[in-house]
Amino acid sequence: MTVVGGLAALLAIVFLWAGALNLIGPAFVRAEFDKWGYPAFMRIAVGLVEISAAAMLFWPHGQRSGAAIGGVVLVGVIASLLRTREWLRLEYPAVLLVACVLLVAL
């Protein structure tokens, strides 16, 4: 497996997990979307986009597109965290965003 393939697989697993979590919607996920001021349907929409990004990342010809779509979701997460001043929670989405940018650039 190449570095690009490994990075794509790692991102795919992360987006698949995040998408499933958003679609299932446990109480803490619902509370987070409420705290950010988003309507209830936004959690479902984000979950579906994350799963779509994951599917594209698993497909070699769709890796760049999947990383770009996932990166857009991560920009939204980062913007939400910045708006609510959750500084200590920025590291994880920022690292994932860098990984998406690297995958698009490689």
PDB file of N, CA and C in Angstrom:
ATOM      1  N   MET A   1       0.846  -1.180   0.000  1.00  0.00           N
ATOM      2  CA  MET A   1       0.000   0.000   0.000  1.00  0.00           C
ATOM      3  C   MET A   1       0.890   1.241   0.000  1.00  0.00           C
ATOM      4  N   THR A   2       0.537   2.197  -0.804  1.00  0.00           N
ATOM      5  CA  THR A   2       1.303   3.430  -0.897  1.00  0.00           C
ATOM      6  C   THR A   2       0.920   4.372   0.247  1.00  0.00           C
ATOM      7  N   VAL A   3       1.694   5.438   0.401  1.00  0.00           N
ATOM      8  CA  VAL A   3       1.401   6.450   1.410  1.00  0.00           C
ATOM      9  C   VAL A   3       0.047   7.098   1.116  1.00  0.00           C
ATOM     10  N   VAL A   4      -0.199   7.399  -0.151  1.00  0.00           N
ATOM     11  CA  VAL A   4      -1.466   8.007  -0.552  1.00  0.00           C
ATOM     12  C   VAL A   4      -2.625   7.054  -0.244  1.00  0.00           C
ATOM     13  N   GLY A   5      -2.458   5.782  -0.574  1.00  0.00           N
ATOM     14  CA  GLY A   5      -3.502   4.797  -0.294  1.00  0.00           C
ATOM     15  C   GLY A   5      -3.759   4.635   1.194  1.00  0.00           C
ATOM     16  N   GLY A   6      -2.693   4.634   1.976  1.00  0.00           N
ATOM     17  CA  GLY A   6      -2.832   4.522   3.429  1.00  0.00           C
ATOM     18  C   GLY A   6      -3.535   5.731   4.030  1.00  0.00           C
ATOM     19  N   LEU A   7      -3.156   6.917   3.573  1.00  0.00           N
ATOM     20  CA  LEU A   7      -3.786   8.142   4.054  1.00  0.00           C
ATOM     21  C   LEU A   7      -5.259   8.180   3.662  1.00  0.00           C
ATOM     22  N   ALA A   8      -5.559   7.772   2.434  1.00  0.00           N
ATOM     23  CA  ALA A   8      -6.953   7.740   1.973  1.00  0.00           C
ATOM     24  C   ALA A   8      -7.766   6.746   2.800  1.00  0.00           C
ATOM     25  N   ALA A   9      -7.201   5.580   3.079  1.00  0.00           N
ATOM     26  CA  ALA A   9      -7.914   4.578   3.875  1.00  0.00           C
ATOM     27  C   ALA A   9      -8.164   5.081   5.294  1.00  0.00           C
ATOM     28  N   LEU A  10      -7.174   5.720   5.891  1.00  0.00           N
ATOM     29  CA  LEU A  10      -7.329   6.268   7.233  1.00  0.00           C
ATOM     30  C   LEU A  10      -8.430   7.326   7.268  1.00  0.00           C
ATOM     31  N   LEU A  11      -8.401   8.245   6.305  1.00  0.00           N
ATOM     32  CA  LEU A  11      -9.441   9.278   6.237  1.00  0.00           C
ATOM     33  C   LEU A  11     -10.813   8.670   5.981  1.00  0.00           C
ATOM     34  N   ALA A  12     -10.861   7.652   5.128  1.00  0.00           N
ATOM     35  CA  ALA A  12     -12.138   6.995   4.835  1.00  0.00           C
ATOM     36  C   ALA A  12     -12.739   6.400   6.104  1.00  0.00           C
ATOM     37  N   ILE A  13     -11.923   5.752   6.906  1.00  0.00           N
ATOM     38  CA  ILE A  13     -12.408   5.159   8.159  1.00  0.00           C
ATOM     39  C   ILE A  13     -12.908   6.240   9.109  1.00  0.00           C
ATOM     40  N   VAL A  14     -12.170   7.344   9.207  1.00  0.00           N
ATOM     41  CA  VAL A  14     -12.574   8.447  10.085  1.00  0.00           C
ATOM     42  C   VAL A  14     -13.909   9.034   9.629  1.00  0.00           C
ATOM     43  N   PHE A  15     -14.058   9.290   8.318  1.00  0.00           N
ATOM     44  CA  PHE A  15     -15.301   9.871   7.823  1.00  0.00           C
ATOM     45  C   PHE A  15     -16.464   8.883   7.910  1.00  0.00           C
ATOM     46  N   LEU A  16     -16.194   7.605   7.717  1.00  0.00           N
ATOM     47  CA  LEU A  16     -17.242   6.595   7.854  1.00  0.00           C
ATOM     48  C   LEU A  16     -17.747   6.558   9.296  1.00  0.00           C
ATOM     49  N   TRP A  17     -16.826   6.576  10.234  1.00  0.00           N
ATOM     50  CA  TRP A  17     -17.182   6.567  11.662  1.00  0.00           C
ATOM     51  C   TRP A  17     -17.959   7.829  12.031  1.00  0.00           C
ATOM     52  N   ALA A  18     -17.459   8.987  11.611  1.00  0.00           N
ATOM     53  CA  ALA A  18     -18.117  10.259  11.938  1.00  0.00           C
ATOM     54  C   ALA A  18     -19.502  10.333  11.304  1.00  0.00           C
ATOM     55  N   GLY A  19     -19.608   9.878  10.057  1.00  0.00           N
ATOM     56  CA  GLY A  19     -20.894   9.896   9.376  1.00  0.00           C
ATOM     57  C   GLY A  19     -21.912   8.997  10.065  1.00  0.00           C
ATOM     58  N   ALA A  20     -21.474   7.806  10.441  1.00  0.00           N
ATOM     59  CA  ALA A  20     -22.365   6.883  11.139  1.00  0.00           C
ATOM     60  C   ALA A  20     -22.813   7.470  12.476  1.00  0.00           C
ATOM     61  N   LEU A  21     -21.891   8.093  13.177  1.00  0.00           N
ATOM     62  CA  LEU A  21     -22.211   8.720  14.464  1.00  0.00           C
ATOM     63  C   LEU A  21     -23.239   9.833  14.281  1.00  0.00           C
ATOM     64  N   ASN A  22     -23.060  10.634  13.246  1.00  0.00           N
ATOM     65  CA  ASN A  22     -24.027  11.709  12.988  1.00  0.00           C
ATOM     66  C   ASN A  22     -25.394  11.154  12.593  1.00  0.00           C
ATOM     67  N   LEU A  23     -25.419  10.093  11.806  1.00  0.00           N
ATOM     68  CA  LEU A  23     -26.701   9.510  11.397  1.00  0.00           C
ATOM     69  C   LEU A  23     -27.417   8.824  12.560  1.00  0.00           C
ATOM     70  N   ILE A  24     -26.670   8.139  13.401  1.00  0.00           N
ATOM     71  CA  ILE A  24     -27.269   7.490  14.567  1.00  0.00           C
ATOM     72  C   ILE A  24     -27.765   8.554  15.548  1.00  0.00           C
ATOM     73  N   GLY A  25     -26.960   9.594  15.741  1.00  0.00           N
ATOM     74  CA  GLY A  25     -27.369  10.742  16.543  1.00  0.00           C
ATOM     75  C   GLY A  25     -27.544  10.519  18.026  1.00  0.00           C
ATOM     76  N   PRO A  26     -26.513  10.008  18.707  1.00  0.00           N
ATOM     77  CA  PRO A  26     -26.644   9.913  20.164  1.00  0.00           C
ATOM     78  C   PRO A  26     -26.821  11.307  20.784  1.00  0.00           C
ATOM     79  N   ALA A  27     -27.216  11.331  22.040  1.00  0.00           N
ATOM     80  CA  ALA A  27     -27.562  12.589  22.706  1.00  0.00           C
ATOM     81  C   ALA A  27     -26.441  13.625  22.637  1.00  0.00           C
ATOM     82  N   PHE A  28     -25.185  13.208  22.811  1.00  0.00           N
ATOM     83  CA  PHE A  28     -24.105  14.191  22.819  1.00  0.00           C
ATOM     84  C   PHE A  28     -23.890  14.819  21.439  1.00  0.00           C
ATOM     85  N   VAL A  29     -24.156  14.074  20.375  1.00  0.00           N
ATOM     86  CA  VAL A  29     -24.038  14.633  19.020  1.00  0.00           C
ATOM     87  C   VAL A  29     -25.172  15.619  18.771  1.00  0.00           C
ATOM     88  N   ARG A  30     -26.375  15.260  19.161  1.00  0.00           N
ATOM     89  CA  ARG A  30     -27.518  16.160  19.002  1.00  0.00           C
ATOM     90  C   ARG A  30     -27.299  17.450  19.794  1.00  0.00           C
ATOM     91  N   ALA A  31     -26.770  17.307  21.002  1.00  0.00           N
ATOM     92  CA  ALA A  31     -26.514  18.482  21.847  1.00  0.00           C
ATOM     93  C   ALA A  31     -25.476  19.397  21.209  1.00  0.00           C
ATOM     94  N   GLU A  32     -24.478  18.810  20.580  1.00  0.00           N
ATOM     95  CA  GLU A  32     -23.439  19.608  19.939  1.00  0.00           C
ATOM     96  C   GLU A  32     -24.004  20.422  18.772  1.00  0.00           C
ATOM     97  N   PHE A  33     -24.818  19.810  17.932  1.00  0.00           N
ATOM     98  CA  PHE A  33     -25.429  20.530  16.817  1.00  0.00           C
ATOM     99  C   PHE A  33     -26.371  21.624  17.332  1.00  0.00           C
ATOM    100  N   ASP A  34     -27.086  21.337  18.432  1.00  0.00           N
ATOM    101  CA  ASP A  34     -27.948  22.352  19.048  1.00  0.00           C
ATOM    102  C   ASP A  34     -27.114  23.522  19.568  1.00  0.00           C
ATOM    103  N   LYS A  35     -26.012  23.199  20.233  1.00  0.00           N
ATOM    104  CA  LYS A  35     -25.139  24.242  20.781  1.00  0.00           C
ATOM    105  C   LYS A  35     -24.594  25.132  19.667  1.00  0.00           C
ATOM    106  N   TRP A  36     -24.312  24.543  18.523  1.00  0.00           N
ATOM    107  CA  TRP A  36     -23.788  25.308  17.396  1.00  0.00           C
ATOM    108  C   TRP A  36     -24.880  26.083  16.671  1.00  0.00           C
ATOM    109  N   GLY A  37     -26.147  25.820  17.024  1.00  0.00           N
ATOM    110  CA  GLY A  37     -27.256  26.549  16.427  1.00  0.00           C
ATOM    111  C   GLY A  37     -27.720  26.024  15.078  1.00  0.00           C
ATOM    112  N   TYR A  38     -27.436  24.765  14.785  1.00  0.00           N
ATOM    113  CA  TYR A  38     -27.835  24.191  13.502  1.00  0.00           C
ATOM    114  C   TYR A  38     -29.174  23.480  13.635  1.00  0.00           C
ATOM    115  N   PRO A  39     -29.983  23.479  12.580  1.00  0.00           N
ATOM    116  CA  PRO A  39     -31.258  22.745  12.623  1.00  0.00           C
ATOM    117  C   PRO A  39     -31.000  21.236  12.651  1.00  0.00           C
ATOM    118  N   ALA A  40     -32.001  20.497  13.089  1.00  0.00           N
ATOM    119  CA  ALA A  40     -31.859  19.037  13.269  1.00  0.00           C
ATOM    120  C   ALA A  40     -31.461  18.320  11.986  1.00  0.00           C
ATOM    121  N   PHE A  41     -31.975  18.772  10.837  1.00  0.00           N
ATOM    122  CA  PHE A  41     -31.667  18.075   9.585  1.00  0.00           C
ATOM    123  C   PHE A  41     -30.198  18.207   9.195  1.00  0.00           C
ATOM    124  N   MET A  42     -29.509  19.211   9.730  1.00  0.00           N
ATOM    125  CA  MET A  42     -28.104  19.432   9.372  1.00  0.00           C
ATOM    126  C   MET A  42     -27.227  18.256   9.805  1.00  0.00           C
ATOM    127  N   ARG A  43     -27.544  17.658  10.947  1.00  0.00           N
ATOM    128  CA  ARG A  43     -26.780  16.503  11.430  1.00  0.00           C
ATOM    129  C   ARG A  43     -26.879  15.349  10.439  1.00  0.00           C
ATOM    130  N   ILE A  44     -28.066  15.115   9.912  1.00  0.00           N
ATOM    131  CA  ILE A  44     -28.277  14.041   8.934  1.00  0.00           C
ATOM    132  C   ILE A  44     -27.541  14.367   7.639  1.00  0.00           C
ATOM    133  N   ALA A  45     -27.655  15.611   7.187  1.00  0.00           N
ATOM    134  CA  ALA A  45     -26.989  16.021   5.944  1.00  0.00           C
ATOM    135  C   ALA A  45     -25.482  15.861   6.057  1.00  0.00           C
ATOM    136  N   VAL A  46     -24.912  16.292   7.176  1.00  0.00           N
ATOM    137  CA  VAL A  46     -23.469  16.168   7.379  1.00  0.00           C
ATOM    138  C   VAL A  46     -23.067  14.699   7.416  1.00  0.00           C
ATOM    139  N   GLY A  47     -23.854  13.875   8.088  1.00  0.00           N
ATOM    140  CA  GLY A  47     -23.556  12.444   8.139  1.00  0.00           C
ATOM    141  C   GLY A  47     -23.546  11.805   6.767  1.00  0.00           C
ATOM    142  N   LEU A  48     -24.518  12.163   5.943  1.00  0.00           N
ATOM    143  CA  LEU A  48     -24.569  11.607   4.584  1.00  0.00           C
ATOM    144  C   LEU A  48     -23.390  12.080   3.739  1.00  0.00           C
ATOM    145  N   VAL A  49     -22.995  13.337   3.889  1.00  0.00           N
ATOM    146  CA  VAL A  49     -21.842  13.853   3.140  1.00  0.00           C
ATOM    147  C   VAL A  49     -20.569  13.161   3.608  1.00  0.00           C
ATOM    148  N   GLU A  50     -20.436  12.949   4.914  1.00  0.00           N
ATOM    149  CA  GLU A  50     -19.240  12.256   5.430  1.00  0.00           C
ATOM    150  C   GLU A  50     -19.161  10.822   4.907  1.00  0.00           C
ATOM    151  N   ILE A  51     -20.264  10.125   4.868  1.00  0.00           N
ATOM    152  CA  ILE A  51     -20.255   8.752   4.348  1.00  0.00           C
ATOM    153  C   ILE A  51     -19.962   8.755   2.850  1.00  0.00           C
ATOM    154  N   SER A  52     -20.471   9.733   2.136  1.00  0.00           N
ATOM    155  CA  SER A  52     -20.150   9.859   0.707  1.00  0.00           C
ATOM    156  C   SER A  52     -18.660  10.101   0.499  1.00  0.00           C
ATOM    157  N   ALA A  53     -18.084  10.977   1.319  1.00  0.00           N
ATOM    158  CA  ALA A  53     -16.641  11.245   1.235  1.00  0.00           C
ATOM    159  C   ALA A  53     -15.857   9.969   1.521  1.00  0.00           C
ATOM    160  N   ALA A  54     -16.287   9.212   2.522  1.00  0.00           N
ATOM    161  CA  ALA A  54     -15.611   7.950   2.863  1.00  0.00           C
ATOM    162  C   ALA A  54     -15.656   6.974   1.695  1.00  0.00           C
ATOM    163  N   ALA A  55     -16.813   6.853   1.070  1.00  0.00           N
ATOM    164  CA  ALA A  55     -16.944   5.934  -0.073  1.00  0.00           C
ATOM    165  C   ALA A  55     -16.001   6.343  -1.200  1.00  0.00           C
ATOM    166  N   MET A  56     -15.920   7.629  -1.452  1.00  0.00           N
ATOM    167  CA  MET A  56     -15.030   8.105  -2.521  1.00  0.00           C
ATOM    168  C   MET A  56     -13.566   7.874  -2.162  1.00  0.00           C
ATOM    169  N   LEU A  57     -13.237   8.009  -0.885  1.00  0.00           N
ATOM    170  CA  LEU A  57     -11.844   7.794  -0.453  1.00  0.00           C
ATOM    171  C   LEU A  57     -11.434   6.331  -0.602  1.00  0.00           C
ATOM    172  N   PHE A  58     -12.367   5.413  -0.491  1.00  0.00           N
ATOM    173  CA  PHE A  58     -12.055   3.992  -0.671  1.00  0.00           C
ATOM    174  C   PHE A  58     -11.854   3.633  -2.139  1.00  0.00           C
ATOM    175  N   TRP A  59     -12.337   4.447  -3.030  1.00  0.00           N
ATOM    176  CA  TRP A  59     -12.228   4.219  -4.476  1.00  0.00           C
ATOM    177  C   TRP A  59     -11.019   4.994  -4.996  1.00  0.00           C
ATOM    178  N   PRO A  60     -10.007   4.336  -5.571  1.00  0.00           N
ATOM    179  CA  PRO A  60      -8.781   5.018  -5.988  1.00  0.00           C
ATOM    180  C   PRO A  60      -8.993   6.229  -6.897  1.00  0.00           C
ATOM    181  N   HIS A  61      -9.958   6.156  -7.799  1.00  0.00           N
ATOM    182  CA  HIS A  61     -10.170   7.285  -8.713  1.00  0.00           C
ATOM    183  C   HIS A  61     -10.972   8.419  -8.071  1.00  0.00           C
ATOM    184  N   GLY A  62     -11.498   8.191  -6.885  1.00  0.00           N
ATOM    185  CA  GLY A  62     -12.293   9.217  -6.218  1.00  0.00           C
ATOM    186  C   GLY A  62     -11.638   9.805  -4.989  1.00  0.00           C
ATOM    187  N   GLN A  63     -10.372   9.420  -4.747  1.00  0.00           N
ATOM    188  CA  GLN A  63      -9.725   9.837  -3.511  1.00  0.00           C
ATOM    189  C   GLN A  63      -9.593  11.353  -3.378  1.00  0.00           C
ATOM    190  N   ARG A  64      -9.197  12.018  -4.438  1.00  0.00           N
ATOM    191  CA  ARG A  64      -9.050  13.481  -4.359  1.00  0.00           C
ATOM    192  C   ARG A  64     -10.401  14.152  -4.108  1.00  0.00           C
ATOM    193  N   SER A  65     -11.416  13.706  -4.814  1.00  0.00           N
ATOM    194  CA  SER A  65     -12.744  14.286  -4.618  1.00  0.00           C
ATOM    195  C   SER A  65     -13.257  14.013  -3.204  1.00  0.00           C
ATOM    196  N   GLY A  66     -13.058  12.808  -2.738  1.00  0.00           N
ATOM    197  CA  GLY A  66     -13.478  12.464  -1.377  1.00  0.00           C
ATOM    198  C   GLY A  66     -12.758  13.291  -0.333  1.00  0.00           C
ATOM    199  N   ALA A  67     -11.460  13.496  -0.541  1.00  0.00           N
ATOM    200  CA  ALA A  67     -10.690  14.320   0.398  1.00  0.00           C
ATOM    201  C   ALA A  67     -11.150  15.772   0.346  1.00  0.00           C
ATOM    202  N   ALA A  68     -11.484  16.256  -0.841  1.00  0.00           N
ATOM    203  CA  ALA A  68     -11.958  17.639  -0.973  1.00  0.00           C
ATOM    204  C   ALA A  68     -13.309  17.810  -0.276  1.00  0.00           C
ATOM    205  N   ILE A  69     -14.200  16.861  -0.474  1.00  0.00           N
ATOM    206  CA  ILE A  69     -15.518  16.928   0.175  1.00  0.00           C
ATOM    207  C   ILE A  69     -15.364  16.835   1.693  1.00  0.00           C
ATOM    208  N   GLY A  70     -14.541  15.907   2.141  1.00  0.00           N
ATOM    209  CA  GLY A  70     -14.282  15.797   3.575  1.00  0.00           C
ATOM    210  C   GLY A  70     -13.651  17.062   4.134  1.00  0.00           C
ATOM    211  N   GLY A  71     -12.777  17.680   3.349  1.00  0.00           N
ATOM    212  CA  GLY A  71     -12.149  18.929   3.781  1.00  0.00           C
ATOM    213  C   GLY A  71     -13.164  20.043   3.964  1.00  0.00           C
ATOM    214  N   VAL A  72     -14.152  20.097   3.101  1.00  0.00           N
ATOM    215  CA  VAL A  72     -15.205  21.113   3.233  1.00  0.00           C
ATOM    216  C   VAL A  72     -15.983  20.901   4.541  1.00  0.00           C
ATOM    217  N   VAL A  73     -16.289  19.648   4.852  1.00  0.00           N
ATOM    218  CA  VAL A  73     -16.968  19.346   6.116  1.00  0.00           C
ATOM    219  C   VAL A  73     -16.096  19.796   7.287  1.00  0.00           C
ATOM    220  N   LEU A  74     -14.809  19.519   7.210  1.00  0.00           N
ATOM    221  CA  LEU A  74     -13.905  19.884   8.298  1.00  0.00           C
ATOM    222  C   LEU A  74     -13.774  21.398   8.456  1.00  0.00           C
ATOM    223  N   VAL A  75     -13.815  22.126   7.358  1.00  0.00           N
ATOM    224  CA  VAL A  75     -13.800  23.592   7.453  1.00  0.00           C
ATOM    225  C   VAL A  75     -15.039  24.054   8.224  1.00  0.00           C
ATOM    226  N   GLY A  76     -16.176  23.425   7.972  1.00  0.00           N
ATOM    227  CA  GLY A  76     -17.391  23.747   8.715  1.00  0.00           C
ATOM    228  C   GLY A  76     -17.268  23.431  10.198  1.00  0.00           C
ATOM    229  N   VAL A  77     -16.664  22.298  10.513  1.00  0.00           N
ATOM    230  CA  VAL A  77     -16.450  21.927  11.915  1.00  0.00           C
ATOM    231  C   VAL A  77     -15.538  22.948  12.586  1.00  0.00           C
ATOM    232  N   ILE A  78     -14.450  23.296  11.922  1.00  0.00           N
ATOM    233  CA  ILE A  78     -13.503  24.256  12.485  1.00  0.00           C
ATOM    234  C   ILE A  78     -14.163  25.614  12.678  1.00  0.00           C
ATOM    235  N   ALA A  79     -14.946  26.053  11.709  1.00  0.00           N
ATOM    236  CA  ALA A  79     -15.659  27.333  11.838  1.00  0.00           C
ATOM    237  C   ALA A  79     -16.628  27.293  13.020  1.00  0.00           C
ATOM    238  N   SER A  80     -17.323  26.178  13.195  1.00  0.00           N
ATOM    239  CA  SER A  80     -18.254  26.050  14.317  1.00  0.00           C
ATOM    240  C   SER A  80     -17.530  26.098  15.647  1.00  0.00           C
ATOM    241  N   LEU A  81     -16.405  25.424  15.730  1.00  0.00           N
ATOM    242  CA  LEU A  81     -15.618  25.429  16.966  1.00  0.00           C
ATOM    243  C   LEU A  81     -15.038  26.814  17.256  1.00  0.00           C
ATOM    244  N   LEU A  82     -14.613  27.504  16.230  1.00  0.00           N
ATOM    245  CA  LEU A  82     -14.089  28.855  16.425  1.00  0.00           C
ATOM    246  C   LEU A  82     -15.195  29.800  16.887  1.00  0.00           C
ATOM    247  N   ARG A  83     -16.363  29.661  16.280  1.00  0.00           N
ATOM    248  CA  ARG A  83     -17.483  30.541  16.632  1.00  0.00           C
ATOM    249  C   ARG A  83     -17.905  30.364  18.089  1.00  0.00           C
ATOM    250  N   THR A  84     -17.825  29.132  18.604  1.00  0.00           N
ATOM    251  CA  THR A  84     -18.207  28.864  19.991  1.00  0.00           C
ATOM    252  C   THR A  84     -17.005  28.870  20.933  1.00  0.00           C
ATOM    253  N   ARG A  85     -15.867  29.283  20.406  1.00  0.00           N
ATOM    254  CA  ARG A  85     -14.630  29.448  21.189  1.00  0.00           C
ATOM    255  C   ARG A  85     -14.193  28.163  21.903  1.00  0.00           C
ATOM    256  N   GLU A  86     -14.304  27.063  21.204  1.00  0.00           N
ATOM    257  CA  GLU A  86     -13.869  25.770  21.747  1.00  0.00           C
ATOM    258  C   GLU A  86     -12.455  25.482  21.256  1.00  0.00           C
ATOM    259  N   TRP A  87     -11.524  26.282  21.727  1.00  0.00           N
ATOM    260  CA  TRP A  87     -10.145  26.275  21.230  1.00  0.00           C
ATOM    261  C   TRP A  87      -9.477  24.908  21.380  1.00  0.00           C
ATOM    262  N   LEU A  88      -9.702  24.241  22.485  1.00  0.00           N
ATOM    263  CA  LEU A  88      -9.001  22.980  22.743  1.00  0.00           C
ATOM    264  C   LEU A  88      -9.502  21.817  21.893  1.00  0.00           C
ATOM    265  N   ARG A  89     -10.608  21.997  21.207  1.00  0.00           N
ATOM    266  CA  ARG A  89     -11.148  20.935  20.356  1.00  0.00           C
ATOM    267  C   ARG A  89     -10.751  21.095  18.896  1.00  0.00           C
ATOM    268  N   LEU A  90      -9.934  22.091  18.593  1.00  0.00           N
ATOM    269  CA  LEU A  90      -9.566  22.375  17.208  1.00  0.00           C
ATOM    270  C   LEU A  90      -8.503  21.432  16.635  1.00  0.00           C
ATOM    271  N   GLU A  91      -7.731  20.800  17.497  1.00  0.00           N
ATOM    272  CA  GLU A  91      -6.582  20.016  17.022  1.00  0.00           C
ATOM    273  C   GLU A  91      -6.976  18.876  16.089  1.00  0.00           C
ATOM    274  N   TYR A  92      -7.934  18.074  16.498  1.00  0.00           N
ATOM    275  CA  TYR A  92      -8.320  16.891  15.714  1.00  0.00           C
ATOM    276  C   TYR A  92      -8.836  17.269  14.325  1.00  0.00           C
ATOM    277  N   PRO A  93      -9.826  18.170  14.217  1.00  0.00           N
ATOM    278  CA  PRO A  93     -10.274  18.527  12.867  1.00  0.00           C
ATOM    279  C   PRO A  93      -9.201  19.249  12.055  1.00  0.00           C
ATOM    280  N   ALA A  94      -8.323  19.987  12.710  1.00  0.00           N
ATOM    281  CA  ALA A  94      -7.255  20.682  11.972  1.00  0.00           C
ATOM    282  C   ALA A  94      -6.273  19.678  11.372  1.00  0.00           C
ATOM    283  N   VAL A  95      -5.912  18.660  12.122  1.00  0.00           N
ATOM    284  CA  VAL A  95      -5.007  17.626  11.617  1.00  0.00           C
ATOM    285  C   VAL A  95      -5.667  16.866  10.462  1.00  0.00           C
ATOM    286  N   LEU A  96      -6.947  16.550  10.610  1.00  0.00           N
ATOM    287  CA  LEU A  96      -7.660  15.862   9.530  1.00  0.00           C
ATOM    288  C   LEU A  96      -7.750  16.738   8.284  1.00  0.00           C
ATOM    289  N   LEU A  97      -7.950  18.041   8.476  1.00  0.00           N
ATOM    290  CA  LEU A  97      -8.002  18.951   7.333  1.00  0.00           C
ATOM    291  C   LEU A  97      -6.660  18.986   6.609  1.00  0.00           C
ATOM    292  N   VAL A  98      -5.574  19.012   7.357  1.00  0.00           N
ATOM    293  CA  VAL A  98      -4.240  18.978   6.735  1.00  0.00           C
ATOM    294  C   VAL A  98      -4.072  17.693   5.951  1.00  0.00           C
ATOM    295  N   ALA A  99      -4.520  16.574   6.497  1.00  0.00           N
ATOM    296  CA  ALA A  99      -4.435  15.293   5.791  1.00  0.00           C
ATOM    297  C   ALA A  99      -5.249  15.329   4.499  1.00  0.00           C
ATOM    298  N   CYS A 100      -6.424  15.941   4.545  1.00  0.00           N
ATOM    299  CA  CYS A 100      -7.253  16.059   3.320  1.00  0.00           C
ATOM    300  C   CYS A 100      -6.545  16.920   2.278  1.00  0.00           C
ATOM    301  N   VAL A 101      -5.975  18.032   2.719  1.00  0.00           N
ATOM    302  CA  VAL A 101      -5.267  18.919   1.785  1.00  0.00           C
ATOM    303  C   VAL A 101      -4.079  18.182   1.173  1.00  0.00           C
ATOM    304  N   LEU A 102      -3.334  17.437   1.972  1.00  0.00           N
ATOM    305  CA  LEU A 102      -2.202  16.662   1.443  1.00  0.00           C
ATOM    306  C   LEU A 102      -2.661  15.649   0.407  1.00  0.00           C
ATOM    307  N   LEU A 103      -3.760  14.970   0.703  1.00  0.00           N
ATOM    308  CA  LEU A 103      -4.253  13.958  -0.235  1.00  0.00           C
ATOM    309  C   LEU A 103      -4.703  14.593  -1.548  1.00  0.00           C
ATOM    310  N   VAL A 104      -5.330  15.752  -1.477  1.00  0.00           N
ATOM    311  CA  VAL A 104      -5.734  16.435  -2.696  1.00  0.00           C
ATOM    312  C   VAL A 104      -4.507  16.870  -3.489  1.00  0.00           C
ATOM    313  N   ALA A 105      -3.449  17.304  -2.782  1.00  0.00           N
ATOM    314  CA  ALA A 105      -2.261  17.831  -3.446  1.00  0.00           C
ATOM    315  C   ALA A 105      -1.356  16.733  -4.010  1.00  0.00           C
ATOM    316  N   LEU A 106      -1.413  15.537  -3.452  1.00  0.00           N
ATOM    317  CA  LEU A 106      -0.490  14.472  -3.910  1.00  0.00           C
ATOM    318  C   LEU A 106      -0.933  13.821  -5.189  1.00  0.00           C
TER     319      LEU A 106
END
